Amino acid sequence: MLKLTYTENSFSLEYLEENLTDWVNKRVIMAVHSATKLHVEPSTAAFLLPAEFSHLTDLKKLNQENILELCPCDASSIEVILKGTWLTSDTESESGIFVTALSKSAELLLHQLSKAEQLCYA
């Protein structure tokens, strides 16, 4: 599973071995036990990659397999769009956590890219 954490000024992408459903269930239980408001909904998340990067062919293959969507933004960047689940304590906030389950190879590729390439908040 991939976990993207969006804050006011940036985001981070993490690869987690945990099952998505189990992870979300634990967050919901934690919110209930701590009396914390939690909003959970199906959503999409996006981030930008440089248009000229080493694994573009690999991402285009995932795009063709409908695992993710690629959209050219301008001459210098490509937007990567993922489908998954958005969790936040405030529905009006842009801060929160997005989680998605893709094929293991897709998750590892995106995690590798997050470490090697300069990802930008879209």
PDB file of N, CA and C in Angstrom:
ATOM      1  N   MET A   1       0.843  -1.160   0.000  1.00  0.00           N
ATOM      2  CA  MET A   1       0.000   0.000   0.000  1.00  0.00           C
ATOM      3  C   MET A   1       0.895   1.232   0.000  1.00  0.00           C
ATOM      4  N   LEU A   2       0.417   2.278  -0.656  1.00  0.00           N
ATOM      5  CA  LEU A   2       1.118   3.557  -0.646  1.00  0.00           C
ATOM      6  C   LEU A   2       0.354   4.535   0.227  1.00  0.00           C
ATOM      7  N   LYS A   3       1.093   5.319   0.998  1.00  0.00           N
ATOM      8  CA  LYS A   3       0.502   6.340   1.854  1.00  0.00           C
ATOM      9  C   LYS A   3       1.120   7.674   1.475  1.00  0.00           C
ATOM     10  N   LEU A   4       0.289   8.597   1.027  1.00  0.00           N
ATOM     11  CA  LEU A   4       0.733   9.947   0.712  1.00  0.00           C
ATOM     12  C   LEU A   4       0.204  10.862   1.799  1.00  0.00           C
ATOM     13  N   THR A   5       1.089  11.561   2.460  1.00  0.00           N
ATOM     14  CA  THR A   5       0.704  12.489   3.511  1.00  0.00           C
ATOM     15  C   THR A   5       0.840  13.903   2.973  1.00  0.00           C
ATOM     16  N   TYR A   6      -0.291  14.596   2.919  1.00  0.00           N
ATOM     17  CA  TYR A   6      -0.322  15.970   2.421  1.00  0.00           C
ATOM     18  C   TYR A   6      -0.374  16.930   3.599  1.00  0.00           C
ATOM     19  N   THR A   7       0.562  17.873   3.616  1.00  0.00           N
ATOM     20  CA  THR A   7       0.546  18.933   4.613  1.00  0.00           C
ATOM     21  C   THR A   7       0.292  20.246   3.889  1.00  0.00           C
ATOM     22  N   GLU A   8       0.342  21.326   4.605  1.00  0.00           N
ATOM     23  CA  GLU A   8       0.056  22.626   4.011  1.00  0.00           C
ATOM     24  C   GLU A   8       1.019  22.979   2.868  1.00  0.00           C
ATOM     25  N   ASN A   9       2.287  22.615   3.007  1.00  0.00           N
ATOM     26  CA  ASN A   9       3.301  23.035   2.038  1.00  0.00           C
ATOM     27  C   ASN A   9       3.969  21.913   1.258  1.00  0.00           C
ATOM     28  N   SER A  10       3.695  20.661   1.574  1.00  0.00           N
ATOM     29  CA  SER A  10       4.400  19.572   0.892  1.00  0.00           C
ATOM     30  C   SER A  10       3.646  18.257   1.075  1.00  0.00           C
ATOM     31  N   PHE A  11       4.264  17.198   0.634  1.00  0.00           N
ATOM     32  CA  PHE A  11       3.710  15.874   0.876  1.00  0.00           C
ATOM     33  C   PHE A  11       4.842  14.861   0.880  1.00  0.00           C
ATOM     34  N   SER A  12       4.544  13.686   1.424  1.00  0.00           N
ATOM     35  CA  SER A  12       5.519  12.595   1.404  1.00  0.00           C
ATOM     36  C   SER A  12       4.814  11.335   0.930  1.00  0.00           C
ATOM     37  N   LEU A  13       5.564  10.451   0.314  1.00  0.00           N
ATOM     38  CA  LEU A  13       5.028   9.189  -0.176  1.00  0.00           C
ATOM     39  C   LEU A  13       5.772   8.071   0.526  1.00  0.00           C
ATOM     40  N   GLU A  14       5.025   7.146   1.125  1.00  0.00           N
ATOM     41  CA  GLU A  14       5.615   6.009   1.830  1.00  0.00           C
ATOM     42  C   GLU A  14       5.035   4.707   1.285  1.00  0.00           C
ATOM     43  N   TYR A  15       5.853   3.670   1.268  1.00  0.00           N
ATOM     44  CA  TYR A  15       5.388   2.321   0.945  1.00  0.00           C
ATOM     45  C   TYR A  15       5.217   1.575   2.251  1.00  0.00           C
ATOM     46  N   LEU A  16       4.036   0.995   2.465  1.00  0.00           N
ATOM     47  CA  LEU A  16       3.759   0.229   3.675  1.00  0.00           C
ATOM     48  C   LEU A  16       3.377  -1.196   3.287  1.00  0.00           C
ATOM     49  N   GLU A  17       3.865  -2.158   4.022  1.00  0.00           N
ATOM     50  CA  GLU A  17       3.554  -3.570   3.771  1.00  0.00           C
ATOM     51  C   GLU A  17       2.136  -3.932   4.201  1.00  0.00           C
ATOM     52  N   GLU A  18       1.529  -3.085   4.995  1.00  0.00           N
ATOM     53  CA  GLU A  18       0.218  -3.372   5.582  1.00  0.00           C
ATOM     54  C   GLU A  18      -0.891  -3.355   4.527  1.00  0.00           C
ATOM     55  N   ASN A  19      -1.905  -4.169   4.758  1.00  0.00           N
ATOM     56  CA  ASN A  19      -3.095  -4.203   3.916  1.00  0.00           C
ATOM     57  C   ASN A  19      -3.864  -2.905   4.086  1.00  0.00           C
ATOM     58  N   LEU A  20      -4.344  -2.331   2.989  1.00  0.00           N
ATOM     59  CA  LEU A  20      -5.049  -1.046   3.014  1.00  0.00           C
ATOM     60  C   LEU A  20      -6.266  -1.081   3.927  1.00  0.00           C
ATOM     61  N   THR A  21      -7.102  -2.081   3.806  1.00  0.00           N
ATOM     62  CA  THR A  21      -8.319  -2.177   4.616  1.00  0.00           C
ATOM     63  C   THR A  21      -7.980  -2.256   6.099  1.00  0.00           C
ATOM     64  N   ASP A  22      -6.984  -3.065   6.452  1.00  0.00           N
ATOM     65  CA  ASP A  22      -6.570  -3.172   7.853  1.00  0.00           C
ATOM     66  C   ASP A  22      -6.058  -1.839   8.375  1.00  0.00           C
ATOM     67  N   TRP A  23      -5.267  -1.133   7.561  1.00  0.00           N
ATOM     68  CA  TRP A  23      -4.701   0.148   7.969  1.00  0.00           C
ATOM     69  C   TRP A  23      -5.815   1.181   8.208  1.00  0.00           C
ATOM     70  N   VAL A  24      -6.763   1.269   7.280  1.00  0.00           N
ATOM     71  CA  VAL A  24      -7.880   2.221   7.428  1.00  0.00           C
ATOM     72  C   VAL A  24      -8.712   1.854   8.650  1.00  0.00           C
ATOM     73  N   ASN A  25      -9.005   0.574   8.834  1.00  0.00           N
ATOM     74  CA  ASN A  25      -9.781   0.133  10.004  1.00  0.00           C
ATOM     75  C   ASN A  25      -9.098   0.552  11.311  1.00  0.00           C
ATOM     76  N   LYS A  26      -7.782   0.403  11.388  1.00  0.00           N
ATOM     77  CA  LYS A  26      -7.048   0.799  12.595  1.00  0.00           C
ATOM     78  C   LYS A  26      -7.165   2.299  12.833  1.00  0.00           C
ATOM     79  N   ARG A  27      -7.103   3.092  11.764  1.00  0.00           N
ATOM     80  CA  ARG A  27      -7.233   4.546  11.900  1.00  0.00           C
ATOM     81  C   ARG A  27      -8.627   4.923  12.401  1.00  0.00           C
ATOM     82  N   VAL A  28      -9.647   4.253  11.872  1.00  0.00           N
ATOM     83  CA  VAL A  28     -11.019   4.533  12.302  1.00  0.00           C
ATOM     84  C   VAL A  28     -11.183   4.159  13.777  1.00  0.00           C
ATOM     85  N   ILE A  29     -10.707   2.993  14.165  1.00  0.00           N
ATOM     86  CA  ILE A  29     -10.800   2.558  15.569  1.00  0.00           C
ATOM     87  C   ILE A  29     -10.051   3.528  16.477  1.00  0.00           C
ATOM     88  N   MET A  30      -8.864   3.967  16.044  1.00  0.00           N
ATOM     89  CA  MET A  30      -8.097   4.918  16.836  1.00  0.00           C
ATOM     90  C   MET A  30      -8.866   6.239  16.993  1.00  0.00           C
ATOM     91  N   ALA A  31      -9.502   6.709  15.923  1.00  0.00           N
ATOM     92  CA  ALA A  31     -10.287   7.949  15.988  1.00  0.00           C
ATOM     93  C   ALA A  31     -11.475   7.792  16.935  1.00  0.00           C
ATOM     94  N   VAL A  32     -12.141   6.652  16.880  1.00  0.00           N
ATOM     95  CA  VAL A  32     -13.291   6.408  17.759  1.00  0.00           C
ATOM     96  C   VAL A  32     -12.838   6.389  19.219  1.00  0.00           C
ATOM     97  N   HIS A  33     -11.762   5.668  19.513  1.00  0.00           N
ATOM     98  CA  HIS A  33     -11.291   5.552  20.896  1.00  0.00           C
ATOM     99  C   HIS A  33     -10.751   6.871  21.435  1.00  0.00           C
ATOM    100  N   SER A  34     -10.236   7.712  20.573  1.00  0.00           N
ATOM    101  CA  SER A  34      -9.683   8.988  21.035  1.00  0.00           C
ATOM    102  C   SER A  34     -10.665  10.146  20.857  1.00  0.00           C
ATOM    103  N   ALA A  35     -11.880   9.817  20.420  1.00  0.00           N
ATOM    104  CA  ALA A  35     -12.928  10.831  20.196  1.00  0.00           C
ATOM    105  C   ALA A  35     -12.446  11.927  19.246  1.00  0.00           C
ATOM    106  N   THR A  36     -11.748  11.502  18.208  1.00  0.00           N
ATOM    107  CA  THR A  36     -11.220  12.419  17.200  1.00  0.00           C
ATOM    108  C   THR A  36     -12.070  12.322  15.941  1.00  0.00           C
ATOM    109  N   LYS A  37     -12.399  13.456  15.393  1.00  0.00           N
ATOM    110  CA  LYS A  37     -13.171  13.495  14.157  1.00  0.00           C
ATOM    111  C   LYS A  37     -12.320  12.949  13.004  1.00  0.00           C
ATOM    112  N   LEU A  38     -12.926  12.096  12.170  1.00  0.00           N
ATOM    113  CA  LEU A  38     -12.224  11.529  11.024  1.00  0.00           C
ATOM    114  C   LEU A  38     -13.190  11.429   9.851  1.00  0.00           C
ATOM    115  N   HIS A  39     -12.778  11.970   8.734  1.00  0.00           N
ATOM    116  CA  HIS A  39     -13.565  11.905   7.503  1.00  0.00           C
ATOM    117  C   HIS A  39     -12.832  10.978   6.536  1.00  0.00           C
ATOM    118  N   VAL A  40     -13.540   9.969   6.008  1.00  0.00           N
ATOM    119  CA  VAL A  40     -12.953   8.992   5.085  1.00  0.00           C
ATOM    120  C   VAL A  40     -13.812   8.955   3.829  1.00  0.00           C
ATOM    121  N   GLU A  41     -13.179   9.103   2.652  1.00  0.00           N
ATOM    122  CA  GLU A  41     -13.943   9.052   1.406  1.00  0.00           C
ATOM    123  C   GLU A  41     -13.076   8.583   0.248  1.00  0.00           C
ATOM    124  N   PRO A  42     -13.706   7.951  -0.758  1.00  0.00           N
ATOM    125  CA  PRO A  42     -12.965   7.608  -1.976  1.00  0.00           C
ATOM    126  C   PRO A  42     -12.545   8.903  -2.657  1.00  0.00           C
ATOM    127  N   SER A  43     -11.355   8.906  -3.224  1.00  0.00           N
ATOM    128  CA  SER A  43     -10.846  10.134  -3.809  1.00  0.00           C
ATOM    129  C   SER A  43      -9.714   9.836  -4.781  1.00  0.00           C
ATOM    130  N   THR A  44      -9.132  10.884  -5.304  1.00  0.00           N
ATOM    131  CA  THR A  44      -7.919  10.778  -6.103  1.00  0.00           C
ATOM    132  C   THR A  44      -6.858  11.670  -5.474  1.00  0.00           C
ATOM    133  N   ALA A  45      -5.617  11.348  -5.760  1.00  0.00           N
ATOM    134  CA  ALA A  45      -4.498  12.172  -5.304  1.00  0.00           C
ATOM    135  C   ALA A  45      -3.546  12.325  -6.477  1.00  0.00           C
ATOM    136  N   ALA A  46      -2.817  13.409  -6.470  1.00  0.00           N
ATOM    137  CA  ALA A  46      -1.912  13.672  -7.582  1.00  0.00           C
ATOM    138  C   ALA A  46      -0.605  14.274  -7.086  1.00  0.00           C
ATOM    139  N   PHE A  47       0.434  14.045  -7.860  1.00  0.00           N
ATOM    140  CA  PHE A  47       1.721  14.687  -7.626  1.00  0.00           C
ATOM    141  C   PHE A  47       2.397  14.842  -8.973  1.00  0.00           C
ATOM    142  N   LEU A  48       3.385  15.706  -9.023  1.00  0.00           N
ATOM    143  CA  LEU A  48       4.083  15.999 -10.269  1.00  0.00           C
ATOM    144  C   LEU A  48       5.456  15.347 -10.294  1.00  0.00           C
ATOM    145  N   LEU A  49       5.842  14.931 -11.479  1.00  0.00           N
ATOM    146  CA  LEU A  49       7.185  14.427 -11.739  1.00  0.00           C
ATOM    147  C   LEU A  49       7.776  15.251 -12.871  1.00  0.00           C
ATOM    148  N   PRO A  50       9.095  15.359 -12.904  1.00  0.00           N
ATOM    149  CA  PRO A  50       9.713  16.030 -14.045  1.00  0.00           C
ATOM    150  C   PRO A  50       9.378  15.270 -15.338  1.00  0.00           C
ATOM    151  N   ALA A  51       9.120  15.981 -16.417  1.00  0.00           N
ATOM    152  CA  ALA A  51       8.769  15.350 -17.692  1.00  0.00           C
ATOM    153  C   ALA A  51       9.922  14.511 -18.239  1.00  0.00           C
ATOM    154  N   GLU A  52      11.115  14.890 -17.933  1.00  0.00           N
ATOM    155  CA  GLU A  52      12.307  14.164 -18.385  1.00  0.00           C
ATOM    156  C   GLU A  52      12.874  13.376 -17.212  1.00  0.00           C
ATOM    157  N   PHE A  53      12.374  12.174 -16.987  1.00  0.00           N
ATOM    158  CA  PHE A  53      12.930  11.360 -15.922  1.00  0.00           C
ATOM    159  C   PHE A  53      13.105   9.932 -16.396  1.00  0.00           C
ATOM    160  N   SER A  54      13.888   9.190 -15.674  1.00  0.00           N
ATOM    161  CA  SER A  54      14.374   7.894 -16.140  1.00  0.00           C
ATOM    162  C   SER A  54      13.327   6.795 -16.269  1.00  0.00           C
ATOM    163  N   HIS A  55      12.247   6.836 -15.525  1.00  0.00           N
ATOM    164  CA  HIS A  55      11.276   5.737 -15.524  1.00  0.00           C
ATOM    165  C   HIS A  55       9.962   6.083 -16.220  1.00  0.00           C
ATOM    166  N   LEU A  56       9.994   7.008 -17.146  1.00  0.00           N
ATOM    167  CA  LEU A  56       8.774   7.425 -17.831  1.00  0.00           C
ATOM    168  C   LEU A  56       8.114   6.253 -18.565  1.00  0.00           C
ATOM    169  N   THR A  57       8.897   5.400 -19.195  1.00  0.00           N
ATOM    170  CA  THR A  57       8.362   4.238 -19.907  1.00  0.00           C
ATOM    171  C   THR A  57       7.616   3.309 -18.958  1.00  0.00           C
ATOM    172  N   ASP A  58       8.171   3.092 -17.772  1.00  0.00           N
ATOM    173  CA  ASP A  58       7.522   2.230 -16.773  1.00  0.00           C
ATOM    174  C   ASP A  58       6.184   2.817 -16.340  1.00  0.00           C
ATOM    175  N   LEU A  59       6.136   4.126 -16.135  1.00  0.00           N
ATOM    176  CA  LEU A  59       4.880   4.763 -15.732  1.00  0.00           C
ATOM    177  C   LEU A  59       3.855   4.735 -16.866  1.00  0.00           C
ATOM    178  N   LYS A  60       4.304   4.903 -18.091  1.00  0.00           N
ATOM    179  CA  LYS A  60       3.372   4.840 -19.229  1.00  0.00           C
ATOM    180  C   LYS A  60       2.744   3.456 -19.320  1.00  0.00           C
ATOM    181  N   LYS A  61       3.498   2.412 -18.994  1.00  0.00           N
ATOM    182  CA  LYS A  61       2.959   1.048 -18.987  1.00  0.00           C
ATOM    183  C   LYS A  61       1.869   0.912 -17.929  1.00  0.00           C
ATOM    184  N   LEU A  62       2.098   1.477 -16.733  1.00  0.00           N
ATOM    185  CA  LEU A  62       1.084   1.435 -15.672  1.00  0.00           C
ATOM    186  C   LEU A  62      -0.147   2.231 -16.084  1.00  0.00           C
ATOM    187  N   ASN A  63       0.052   3.316 -16.809  1.00  0.00           N
ATOM    188  CA  ASN A  63      -1.057   4.116 -17.316  1.00  0.00           C
ATOM    189  C   ASN A  63      -1.904   3.279 -18.276  1.00  0.00           C
ATOM    190  N   GLN A  64      -1.260   2.521 -19.150  1.00  0.00           N
ATOM    191  CA  GLN A  64      -1.976   1.676 -20.108  1.00  0.00           C
ATOM    192  C   GLN A  64      -2.730   0.555 -19.407  1.00  0.00           C
ATOM    193  N   GLU A  65      -2.231   0.115 -18.259  1.00  0.00           N
ATOM    194  CA  GLU A  65      -2.890  -0.945 -17.487  1.00  0.00           C
ATOM    195  C   GLU A  65      -3.969  -0.383 -16.558  1.00  0.00           C
ATOM    196  N   ASN A  66      -4.248   0.912 -16.653  1.00  0.00           N
ATOM    197  CA  ASN A  66      -5.254   1.607 -15.839  1.00  0.00           C
ATOM    198  C   ASN A  66      -4.960   1.540 -14.341  1.00  0.00           C
ATOM    199  N   ILE A  67      -3.691   1.452 -13.981  1.00  0.00           N
ATOM    200  CA  ILE A  67      -3.300   1.447 -12.574  1.00  0.00           C
ATOM    201  C   ILE A  67      -3.217   2.885 -12.061  1.00  0.00           C
ATOM    202  N   LEU A  68      -2.809   3.784 -12.939  1.00  0.00           N
ATOM    203  CA  LEU A  68      -2.726   5.195 -12.616  1.00  0.00           C
ATOM    204  C   LEU A  68      -2.973   5.988 -13.882  1.00  0.00           C
ATOM    205  N   GLU A  69      -3.089   7.288 -13.738  1.00  0.00           N
ATOM    206  CA  GLU A  69      -3.309   8.143 -14.896  1.00  0.00           C
ATOM    207  C   GLU A  69      -2.171   9.149 -14.984  1.00  0.00           C
ATOM    208  N   LEU A  70      -1.668   9.372 -16.196  1.00  0.00           N
ATOM    209  CA  LEU A  70      -0.631  10.362 -16.438  1.00  0.00           C
ATOM    210  C   LEU A  70      -1.204  11.491 -17.275  1.00  0.00           C
ATOM    211  N   CYS A  71      -0.953  12.713 -16.856  1.00  0.00           N
ATOM    212  CA  CYS A  71      -1.426  13.881 -17.603  1.00  0.00           C
ATOM    213  C   CYS A  71      -0.275  14.869 -17.748  1.00  0.00           C
ATOM    214  N   PRO A  72       0.112  15.176 -18.989  1.00  0.00           N
ATOM    215  CA  PRO A  72       1.147  16.202 -19.162  1.00  0.00           C
ATOM    216  C   PRO A  72       0.628  17.551 -18.662  1.00  0.00           C
ATOM    217  N   CYS A  73       1.427  18.249 -17.890  1.00  0.00           N
ATOM    218  CA  CYS A  73       1.025  19.561 -17.361  1.00  0.00           C
ATOM    219  C   CYS A  73       1.591  20.679 -18.229  1.00  0.00           C
ATOM    220  N   ASP A  74       2.871  20.619 -18.474  1.00  0.00           N
ATOM    221  CA  ASP A  74       3.568  21.589 -19.314  1.00  0.00           C
ATOM    222  C   ASP A  74       4.828  20.911 -19.828  1.00  0.00           C
ATOM    223  N   ALA A  75       5.719  21.657 -20.407  1.00  0.00           N
ATOM    224  CA  ALA A  75       6.927  21.058 -20.988  1.00  0.00           C
ATOM    225  C   ALA A  75       7.840  20.436 -19.941  1.00  0.00           C
ATOM    226  N   SER A  76       7.701  20.849 -18.687  1.00  0.00           N
ATOM    227  CA  SER A  76       8.643  20.377 -17.676  1.00  0.00           C
ATOM    228  C   SER A  76       8.085  19.375 -16.673  1.00  0.00           C
ATOM    229  N   SER A  77       6.755  19.110 -16.676  1.00  0.00           N
ATOM    230  CA  SER A  77       6.228  18.204 -15.660  1.00  0.00           C
ATOM    231  C   SER A  77       5.050  17.364 -16.144  1.00  0.00           C
ATOM    232  N   ILE A  78       4.892  16.212 -15.466  1.00  0.00           N
ATOM    233  CA  ILE A  78       3.801  15.268 -15.718  1.00  0.00           C
ATOM    234  C   ILE A  78       3.082  15.034 -14.391  1.00  0.00           C
ATOM    235  N   GLU A  79       1.751  15.036 -14.441  1.00  0.00           N
ATOM    236  CA  GLU A  79       0.964  14.780 -13.248  1.00  0.00           C
ATOM    237  C   GLU A  79       0.630  13.291 -13.179  1.00  0.00           C
ATOM    238  N   VAL A  80       0.879  12.683 -12.023  1.00  0.00           N
ATOM    239  CA  VAL A  80       0.531  11.291 -11.766  1.00  0.00           C
ATOM    240  C   VAL A  80      -0.704  11.311 -10.873  1.00  0.00           C
ATOM    241  N   ILE A  81      -1.777  10.638 -11.321  1.00  0.00           N
ATOM    242  CA  ILE A  81      -3.039  10.634 -10.585  1.00  0.00           C
ATOM    243  C   ILE A  81      -3.353   9.207 -10.136  1.00  0.00           C
ATOM    244  N   LEU A  82      -3.649   9.054  -8.849  1.00  0.00           N
ATOM    245  CA  LEU A  82      -3.958   7.759  -8.251  1.00  0.00           C
ATOM    246  C   LEU A  82      -5.371   7.772  -7.684  1.00  0.00           C
ATOM    247  N   LYS A  83      -6.043   6.623  -7.690  1.00  0.00           N
ATOM    248  CA  LYS A  83      -7.349   6.466  -7.054  1.00  0.00           C
ATOM    249  C   LYS A  83      -7.145   5.756  -5.728  1.00  0.00           C
ATOM    250  N   GLY A  84      -7.892   6.189  -4.702  1.00  0.00           N
ATOM    251  CA  GLY A  84      -7.748   5.562  -3.403  1.00  0.00           C
ATOM    252  C   GLY A  84      -8.694   6.146  -2.384  1.00  0.00           C
ATOM    253  N   THR A  85      -8.212   6.281  -1.144  1.00  0.00           N
ATOM    254  CA  THR A  85      -9.027   6.737  -0.025  1.00  0.00           C
ATOM    255  C   THR A  85      -8.360   7.924   0.654  1.00  0.00           C
ATOM    256  N   TRP A  86      -9.145   8.973   0.905  1.00  0.00           N
ATOM    257  CA  TRP A  86      -8.681  10.195   1.554  1.00  0.00           C
ATOM    258  C   TRP A  86      -9.172  10.200   2.996  1.00  0.00           C
ATOM    259  N   LEU A  87      -8.268  10.467   3.930  1.00  0.00           N
ATOM    260  CA  LEU A  87      -8.601  10.568   5.347  1.00  0.00           C
ATOM    261  C   LEU A  87      -8.149  11.929   5.858  1.00  0.00           C
ATOM    262  N   THR A  88      -9.061  12.622   6.527  1.00  0.00           N
ATOM    263  CA  THR A  88      -8.732  13.924   7.091  1.00  0.00           C
ATOM    264  C   THR A  88      -9.621  14.195   8.294  1.00  0.00           C
ATOM    265  N   SER A  89      -9.173  15.072   9.153  1.00  0.00           N
ATOM    266  CA  SER A  89      -9.997  15.448  10.301  1.00  0.00           C
ATOM    267  C   SER A  89     -10.868  16.650   9.975  1.00  0.00           C
ATOM    268  N   ASP A  90     -10.557  17.361   8.896  1.00  0.00           N
ATOM    269  CA  ASP A  90     -11.296  18.554   8.509  1.00  0.00           C
ATOM    270  C   ASP A  90     -11.579  18.508   7.017  1.00  0.00           C
ATOM    271  N   THR A  91     -12.832  18.408   6.646  1.00  0.00           N
ATOM    272  CA  THR A  91     -13.199  18.272   5.229  1.00  0.00           C
ATOM    273  C   THR A  91     -12.844  19.504   4.408  1.00  0.00           C
ATOM    274  N   GLU A  92     -12.636  20.642   5.053  1.00  0.00           N
ATOM    275  CA  GLU A  92     -12.274  21.872   4.346  1.00  0.00           C
ATOM    276  C   GLU A  92     -10.758  22.028   4.169  1.00  0.00           C
ATOM    277  N   SER A  93      -9.997  21.166   4.792  1.00  0.00           N
ATOM    278  CA  SER A  93      -8.540  21.269   4.768  1.00  0.00           C
ATOM    279  C   SER A  93      -7.942  20.508   3.583  1.00  0.00           C
ATOM    280  N   GLU A  94      -6.802  20.979   3.124  1.00  0.00           N
ATOM    281  CA  GLU A  94      -6.055  20.263   2.095  1.00  0.00           C
ATOM    282  C   GLU A  94      -5.016  19.338   2.717  1.00  0.00           C
ATOM    283  N   SER A  95      -4.958  19.296   4.027  1.00  0.00           N
ATOM    284  CA  SER A  95      -4.043  18.410   4.738  1.00  0.00           C
ATOM    285  C   SER A  95      -4.764  17.114   5.069  1.00  0.00           C
ATOM    286  N   GLY A  96      -4.061  16.008   4.931  1.00  0.00           N
ATOM    287  CA  GLY A  96      -4.640  14.717   5.244  1.00  0.00           C
ATOM    288  C   GLY A  96      -3.762  13.598   4.734  1.00  0.00           C
ATOM    289  N   ILE A  97      -4.320  12.408   4.742  1.00  0.00           N
ATOM    290  CA  ILE A  97      -3.591  11.217   4.300  1.00  0.00           C
ATOM    291  C   ILE A  97      -4.398  10.546   3.204  1.00  0.00           C
ATOM    292  N   PHE A  98      -3.698  10.180   2.136  1.00  0.00           N
ATOM    293  CA  PHE A  98      -4.290   9.451   1.025  1.00  0.00           C
ATOM    294  C   PHE A  98      -3.621   8.089   0.978  1.00  0.00           C
ATOM    295  N   VAL A  99      -4.422   7.029   0.893  1.00  0.00           N
ATOM    296  CA  VAL A  99      -3.864   5.680   0.799  1.00  0.00           C
ATOM    297  C   VAL A  99      -4.443   4.980  -0.424  1.00  0.00           C
ATOM    298  N   THR A 100      -3.622   4.145  -1.030  1.00  0.00           N
ATOM    299  CA  THR A 100      -4.063   3.400  -2.205  1.00  0.00           C
ATOM    300  C   THR A 100      -3.360   2.051  -2.245  1.00  0.00           C
ATOM    301  N   ALA A 101      -4.026   1.082  -2.829  1.00  0.00           N
ATOM    302  CA  ALA A 101      -3.437  -0.243  -3.030  1.00  0.00           C
ATOM    303  C   ALA A 101      -3.327  -0.473  -4.531  1.00  0.00           C
ATOM    304  N   LEU A 102      -2.109  -0.646  -4.991  1.00  0.00           N
ATOM    305  CA  LEU A 102      -1.816  -0.931  -6.395  1.00  0.00           C
ATOM    306  C   LEU A 102      -1.130  -2.291  -6.455  1.00  0.00           C
ATOM    307  N   SER A 103      -0.710  -2.683  -7.631  1.00  0.00           N
ATOM    308  CA  SER A 103       0.097  -3.901  -7.699  1.00  0.00           C
ATOM    309  C   SER A 103       1.403  -3.632  -6.947  1.00  0.00           C
ATOM    310  N   LYS A 104       1.992  -4.661  -6.391  1.00  0.00           N
ATOM    311  CA  LYS A 104       3.227  -4.489  -5.618  1.00  0.00           C
ATOM    312  C   LYS A 104       4.314  -3.841  -6.459  1.00  0.00           C
ATOM    313  N   SER A 105       4.425  -4.241  -7.730  1.00  0.00           N
ATOM    314  CA  SER A 105       5.455  -3.659  -8.592  1.00  0.00           C
ATOM    315  C   SER A 105       5.206  -2.171  -8.830  1.00  0.00           C
ATOM    316  N   ALA A 106       3.940  -1.771  -8.985  1.00  0.00           N
ATOM    317  CA  ALA A 106       3.610  -0.357  -9.179  1.00  0.00           C
ATOM    318  C   ALA A 106       3.927   0.436  -7.911  1.00  0.00           C
ATOM    319  N   GLU A 107       3.573  -0.113  -6.756  1.00  0.00           N
ATOM    320  CA  GLU A 107       3.859   0.573  -5.495  1.00  0.00           C
ATOM    321  C   GLU A 107       5.355   0.749  -5.291  1.00  0.00           C
ATOM    322  N   LEU A 108       6.115  -0.304  -5.559  1.00  0.00           N
ATOM    323  CA  LEU A 108       7.566  -0.212  -5.374  1.00  0.00           C
ATOM    324  C   LEU A 108       8.188   0.765  -6.364  1.00  0.00           C
ATOM    325  N   LEU A 109       7.701   0.809  -7.588  1.00  0.00           N
ATOM    326  CA  LEU A 109       8.206   1.761  -8.574  1.00  0.00           C
ATOM    327  C   LEU A 109       7.946   3.193  -8.115  1.00  0.00           C
ATOM    328  N   LEU A 110       6.721   3.486  -7.698  1.00  0.00           N
ATOM    329  CA  LEU A 110       6.395   4.838  -7.249  1.00  0.00           C
ATOM    330  C   LEU A 110       7.183   5.211  -5.995  1.00  0.00           C
ATOM    331  N   HIS A 111       7.374   4.259  -5.102  1.00  0.00           N
ATOM    332  CA  HIS A 111       8.177   4.524  -3.907  1.00  0.00           C
ATOM    333  C   HIS A 111       9.619   4.814  -4.288  1.00  0.00           C
ATOM    334  N   GLN A 112      10.156   4.036  -5.222  1.00  0.00           N
ATOM    335  CA  GLN A 112      11.520   4.256  -5.708  1.00  0.00           C
ATOM    336  C   GLN A 112      11.635   5.641  -6.347  1.00  0.00           C
ATOM    337  N   LEU A 113      10.648   6.010  -7.141  1.00  0.00           N
ATOM    338  CA  LEU A 113      10.653   7.330  -7.779  1.00  0.00           C
ATOM    339  C   LEU A 113      10.597   8.441  -6.740  1.00  0.00           C
ATOM    340  N   SER A 114       9.841   8.223  -5.672  1.00  0.00           N
ATOM    341  CA  SER A 114       9.719   9.258  -4.643  1.00  0.00           C
ATOM    342  C   SER A 114      11.059   9.521  -3.959  1.00  0.00           C
ATOM    343  N   LYS A 115      11.891   8.514  -3.919  1.00  0.00           N
ATOM    344  CA  LYS A 115      13.217   8.682  -3.306  1.00  0.00           C
ATOM    345  C   LYS A 115      14.221   9.274  -4.293  1.00  0.00           C
ATOM    346  N   ALA A 116      14.124   8.856  -5.560  1.00  0.00           N
ATOM    347  CA  ALA A 116      15.135   9.235  -6.540  1.00  0.00           C
ATOM    348  C   ALA A 116      14.810  10.533  -7.288  1.00  0.00           C
ATOM    349  N   GLU A 117      13.553  10.738  -7.590  1.00  0.00           N
ATOM    350  CA  GLU A 117      13.149  11.903  -8.385  1.00  0.00           C
ATOM    351  C   GLU A 117      12.613  12.991  -7.460  1.00  0.00           C
ATOM    352  N   GLN A 118      12.513  14.157  -7.968  1.00  0.00           N
ATOM    353  CA  GLN A 118      11.965  15.256  -7.177  1.00  0.00           C
ATOM    354  C   GLN A 118      10.463  15.349  -7.436  1.00  0.00           C
ATOM    355  N   LEU A 119       9.666  14.829  -6.499  1.00  0.00           N
ATOM    356  CA  LEU A 119       8.226  14.890  -6.615  1.00  0.00           C
ATOM    357  C   LEU A 119       7.734  16.238  -6.124  1.00  0.00           C
ATOM    358  N   CYS A 120       6.709  16.728  -6.756  1.00  0.00           N
ATOM    359  CA  CYS A 120       6.127  18.016  -6.367  1.00  0.00           C
ATOM    360  C   CYS A 120       4.660  17.828  -6.042  1.00  0.00           C
ATOM    361  N   TYR A 121       4.190  18.598  -5.115  1.00  0.00           N
ATOM    362  CA  TYR A 121       2.784  18.595  -4.724  1.00  0.00           C
ATOM    363  C   TYR A 121       1.968  19.174  -5.870  1.00  0.00           C
ATOM    364  N   ALA A 122       0.962  18.426  -6.343  1.00  0.00           N
ATOM    365  CA  ALA A 122       0.134  18.900  -7.463  1.00  0.00           C
ATOM    366  C   ALA A 122      -1.126  19.559  -6.953  1.00  0.00           C
TER     367      ALA A 122
END
